[in-house]
Amino acid sequence: MPNASLKDTEQYEALRKEGMSKQKAARISNASAASSRSAVARRGGRAGAYDDMTKKELYERAKRVGIPGRASMSKGQLIDALRHH
């Protein structure tokens, strides 16, 4: 059962079925409820290219989003984990 603070439970459930984490699905569904789904889609993809980041920058981003095991990951593993989180 989704959290009561979700604004768009239909989209949340669809994103979860696609394999997104609970946190990411909640962020996207709540953002789209505040404006519109098409506006949220247009905003996506503005993060810098992971390949251009240092390992330390990737580690800090992985830490912010809560990726487990990040301390022992290589730069390539951090990129992969961030792309699939």
N, C-alpha and C. Protein backbone atom coordinates (compact mmCIF):
# COMPACT_ATOMS: atom_id res chain seq x y z
N MET A 1 0.84 -1.17 0.00
CA MET A 1 0.00 0.00 0.00
C MET A 1 0.88 1.24 0.00
N PRO A 2 0.70 2.15 -0.94
CA PRO A 2 1.54 3.34 -1.00
C PRO A 2 1.33 4.26 0.19
N ASN A 3 2.31 5.07 0.44
CA ASN A 3 2.29 6.04 1.53
C ASN A 3 1.19 7.07 1.29
N ALA A 4 0.57 7.55 2.35
CA ALA A 4 -0.52 8.52 2.25
C ALA A 4 -0.05 9.87 1.71
N SER A 5 1.26 10.16 1.76
CA SER A 5 1.76 11.43 1.27
C SER A 5 1.98 11.44 -0.24
N LEU A 6 1.71 10.34 -0.91
CA LEU A 6 1.84 10.31 -2.36
C LEU A 6 0.73 11.10 -3.01
N LYS A 7 1.10 11.89 -4.00
CA LYS A 7 0.11 12.74 -4.67
C LYS A 7 -0.51 12.06 -5.89
N ASP A 8 0.24 11.17 -6.54
CA ASP A 8 -0.24 10.50 -7.75
C ASP A 8 0.05 9.01 -7.62
N THR A 9 -0.83 8.31 -6.92
CA THR A 9 -0.60 6.89 -6.63
C THR A 9 -0.58 6.04 -7.89
N GLU A 10 -1.37 6.42 -8.90
CA GLU A 10 -1.39 5.65 -10.14
C GLU A 10 -0.02 5.66 -10.82
N GLN A 11 0.58 6.83 -10.91
CA GLN A 11 1.90 6.91 -11.53
C GLN A 11 2.94 6.22 -10.65
N TYR A 12 2.84 6.38 -9.34
CA TYR A 12 3.76 5.73 -8.41
C TYR A 12 3.76 4.22 -8.64
N GLU A 13 2.59 3.62 -8.70
CA GLU A 13 2.48 2.17 -8.89
C GLU A 13 3.07 1.76 -10.24
N ALA A 14 2.83 2.55 -11.28
CA ALA A 14 3.38 2.23 -12.60
C ALA A 14 4.91 2.28 -12.58
N LEU A 15 5.47 3.27 -11.92
CA LEU A 15 6.92 3.39 -11.83
C LEU A 15 7.52 2.25 -11.02
N ARG A 16 6.85 1.85 -9.95
CA ARG A 16 7.33 0.71 -9.14
C ARG A 16 7.33 -0.58 -9.96
N LYS A 17 6.29 -0.76 -10.80
CA LYS A 17 6.22 -1.95 -11.65
C LYS A 17 7.35 -1.97 -12.66
N GLU A 18 7.84 -0.79 -13.05
CA GLU A 18 8.97 -0.69 -13.98
C GLU A 18 10.30 -0.97 -13.28
N GLY A 19 10.26 -1.10 -11.96
CA GLY A 19 11.47 -1.44 -11.21
C GLY A 19 12.15 -0.29 -10.49
N MET A 20 11.53 0.88 -10.45
CA MET A 20 12.13 2.01 -9.74
C MET A 20 12.06 1.79 -8.24
N SER A 21 13.01 2.41 -7.54
CA SER A 21 12.99 2.35 -6.08
C SER A 21 11.78 3.11 -5.57
N LYS A 22 11.39 2.83 -4.35
CA LYS A 22 10.24 3.52 -3.74
C LYS A 22 10.48 5.03 -3.68
N GLN A 23 11.70 5.42 -3.31
CA GLN A 23 12.01 6.83 -3.16
C GLN A 23 11.93 7.56 -4.50
N LYS A 24 12.53 6.97 -5.53
CA LYS A 24 12.55 7.62 -6.83
C LYS A 24 11.15 7.70 -7.42
N ALA A 25 10.38 6.63 -7.29
CA ALA A 25 9.01 6.62 -7.80
C ALA A 25 8.16 7.67 -7.08
N ALA A 26 8.36 7.82 -5.78
CA ALA A 26 7.60 8.83 -5.01
C ALA A 26 7.99 10.23 -5.44
N ARG A 27 9.30 10.49 -5.63
CA ARG A 27 9.74 11.82 -6.06
C ARG A 27 9.13 12.18 -7.41
N ILE A 28 9.18 11.27 -8.35
CA ILE A 28 8.66 11.55 -9.69
C ILE A 28 7.15 11.73 -9.67
N SER A 29 6.44 10.84 -8.98
CA SER A 29 4.98 10.94 -8.98
C SER A 29 4.51 12.20 -8.25
N ASN A 30 5.18 12.59 -7.17
CA ASN A 30 4.80 13.81 -6.46
C ASN A 30 5.14 15.06 -7.27
N ALA A 31 6.26 15.04 -7.97
CA ALA A 31 6.62 16.19 -8.80
C ALA A 31 5.64 16.37 -9.94
N SER A 32 5.21 15.27 -10.54
CA SER A 32 4.28 15.38 -11.66
C SER A 32 2.89 15.81 -11.19
N ALA A 33 2.52 15.47 -9.98
CA ALA A 33 1.22 15.89 -9.45
C ALA A 33 1.22 17.39 -9.17
N ALA A 34 2.37 17.93 -8.82
CA ALA A 34 2.47 19.36 -8.52
C ALA A 34 2.39 20.21 -9.78
N SER A 35 2.83 19.68 -10.91
CA SER A 35 2.74 20.44 -12.17
C SER A 35 2.00 19.59 -13.19
N SER A 36 2.74 18.91 -14.02
CA SER A 36 2.12 17.99 -14.97
C SER A 36 3.16 16.95 -15.35
N ARG A 37 2.73 15.81 -15.80
CA ARG A 37 3.66 14.74 -16.16
C ARG A 37 4.57 15.17 -17.30
N SER A 38 4.05 15.89 -18.28
CA SER A 38 4.88 16.31 -19.40
C SER A 38 5.93 17.33 -18.97
N ALA A 39 5.59 18.21 -18.02
CA ALA A 39 6.56 19.18 -17.53
C ALA A 39 7.68 18.49 -16.78
N VAL A 40 7.36 17.47 -16.01
CA VAL A 40 8.38 16.72 -15.28
C VAL A 40 9.29 15.99 -16.26
N ALA A 41 8.72 15.43 -17.31
CA ALA A 41 9.51 14.72 -18.31
C ALA A 41 10.49 15.67 -19.01
N ARG A 42 10.07 16.88 -19.27
CA ARG A 42 10.96 17.85 -19.92
C ARG A 42 12.10 18.25 -19.01
N ARG A 43 11.87 18.26 -17.70
CA ARG A 43 12.92 18.64 -16.75
C ARG A 43 13.96 17.54 -16.59
N GLY A 44 13.60 16.32 -16.85
CA GLY A 44 14.50 15.19 -16.62
C GLY A 44 15.75 15.26 -17.49
N GLY A 45 16.81 14.58 -17.02
CA GLY A 45 18.01 14.46 -17.83
C GLY A 45 18.96 15.64 -17.78
N ARG A 46 18.83 16.52 -16.81
CA ARG A 46 19.71 17.68 -16.77
C ARG A 46 20.94 17.47 -15.90
N ALA A 47 21.07 16.33 -15.31
CA ALA A 47 22.24 16.05 -14.49
C ALA A 47 23.47 15.95 -15.39
N GLY A 48 24.62 16.29 -14.84
CA GLY A 48 25.84 16.21 -15.62
C GLY A 48 26.15 14.77 -16.02
N ALA A 49 26.93 14.61 -17.04
CA ALA A 49 27.30 13.28 -17.52
C ALA A 49 28.17 12.60 -16.47
N TYR A 50 27.77 11.41 -16.09
CA TYR A 50 28.53 10.69 -15.06
C TYR A 50 29.96 10.41 -15.52
N ASP A 51 30.16 10.18 -16.80
CA ASP A 51 31.50 9.89 -17.30
C ASP A 51 32.47 11.05 -17.11
N ASP A 52 31.93 12.27 -17.02
CA ASP A 52 32.77 13.45 -16.84
C ASP A 52 33.07 13.75 -15.37
N MET A 53 32.42 13.03 -14.46
CA MET A 53 32.62 13.26 -13.03
C MET A 53 33.80 12.46 -12.50
N THR A 54 34.40 12.97 -11.42
CA THR A 54 35.46 12.22 -10.75
C THR A 54 34.82 11.12 -9.90
N LYS A 55 35.65 10.18 -9.48
CA LYS A 55 35.15 9.10 -8.63
C LYS A 55 34.60 9.67 -7.32
N LYS A 56 35.27 10.70 -6.80
CA LYS A 56 34.81 11.33 -5.55
C LYS A 56 33.44 11.97 -5.74
N GLU A 57 33.22 12.65 -6.87
CA GLU A 57 31.92 13.26 -7.14
C GLU A 57 30.83 12.19 -7.27
N LEU A 58 31.17 11.10 -7.95
CA LEU A 58 30.22 9.99 -8.10
C LEU A 58 29.89 9.38 -6.75
N TYR A 59 30.90 9.21 -5.90
CA TYR A 59 30.70 8.66 -4.58
C TYR A 59 29.76 9.55 -3.77
N GLU A 60 29.98 10.87 -3.82
CA GLU A 60 29.13 11.80 -3.08
C GLU A 60 27.69 11.75 -3.58
N ARG A 61 27.50 11.64 -4.88
CA ARG A 61 26.14 11.54 -5.41
C ARG A 61 25.51 10.22 -4.97
N ALA A 62 26.27 9.12 -5.01
CA ALA A 62 25.76 7.82 -4.56
C ALA A 62 25.39 7.87 -3.08
N LYS A 63 26.17 8.58 -2.31
CA LYS A 63 25.89 8.75 -0.88
C LYS A 63 24.57 9.49 -0.67
N ARG A 64 24.36 10.56 -1.46
CA ARG A 64 23.12 11.35 -1.34
C ARG A 64 21.88 10.53 -1.64
N VAL A 65 21.97 9.62 -2.62
CA VAL A 65 20.79 8.85 -3.00
C VAL A 65 20.71 7.51 -2.25
N GLY A 66 21.72 7.21 -1.43
CA GLY A 66 21.66 6.04 -0.57
C GLY A 66 21.99 4.71 -1.23
N ILE A 67 22.97 4.69 -2.12
CA ILE A 67 23.36 3.44 -2.77
C ILE A 67 24.25 2.65 -1.81
N PRO A 68 23.83 1.43 -1.46
CA PRO A 68 24.63 0.61 -0.54
C PRO A 68 25.88 0.06 -1.23
N GLY A 69 26.93 -0.12 -0.46
CA GLY A 69 28.17 -0.72 -0.96
C GLY A 69 29.01 0.23 -1.79
N ARG A 70 28.70 1.51 -1.77
CA ARG A 70 29.39 2.48 -2.62
C ARG A 70 30.87 2.64 -2.29
N ALA A 71 31.25 2.40 -1.05
CA ALA A 71 32.64 2.61 -0.63
C ALA A 71 33.61 1.68 -1.36
N SER A 72 33.15 0.50 -1.71
CA SER A 72 34.05 -0.46 -2.37
C SER A 72 33.87 -0.50 -3.88
N MET A 73 33.06 0.39 -4.45
CA MET A 73 32.81 0.38 -5.89
C MET A 73 33.86 1.16 -6.66
N SER A 74 34.12 0.69 -7.88
CA SER A 74 35.00 1.41 -8.80
C SER A 74 34.19 2.53 -9.44
N LYS A 75 34.85 3.38 -10.20
CA LYS A 75 34.16 4.48 -10.87
C LYS A 75 33.07 3.91 -11.81
N GLY A 76 33.39 2.89 -12.56
CA GLY A 76 32.42 2.28 -13.47
C GLY A 76 31.24 1.69 -12.74
N GLN A 77 31.49 1.07 -11.61
CA GLN A 77 30.40 0.49 -10.81
C GLN A 77 29.51 1.58 -10.23
N LEU A 78 30.11 2.69 -9.80
CA LEU A 78 29.33 3.81 -9.28
C LEU A 78 28.43 4.39 -10.36
N ILE A 79 28.97 4.55 -11.56
CA ILE A 79 28.17 5.05 -12.69
C ILE A 79 27.00 4.13 -12.95
N ASP A 80 27.27 2.84 -13.01
CA ASP A 80 26.21 1.87 -13.27
C ASP A 80 25.14 1.90 -12.18
N ALA A 81 25.57 1.96 -10.93
CA ALA A 81 24.64 1.99 -9.82
C ALA A 81 23.78 3.26 -9.84
N LEU A 82 24.38 4.39 -10.17
CA LEU A 82 23.62 5.64 -10.23
C LEU A 82 22.64 5.64 -11.40
N ARG A 83 23.04 5.08 -12.52
CA ARG A 83 22.14 5.03 -13.68
C ARG A 83 20.96 4.11 -13.46
N HIS A 84 21.11 3.11 -12.61
CA HIS A 84 20.04 2.14 -12.42
C HIS A 84 19.36 2.26 -11.07
N HIS A 85 19.61 3.35 -10.37
CA HIS A 85 18.97 3.56 -9.07
C HIS A 85 17.58 4.13 -9.23
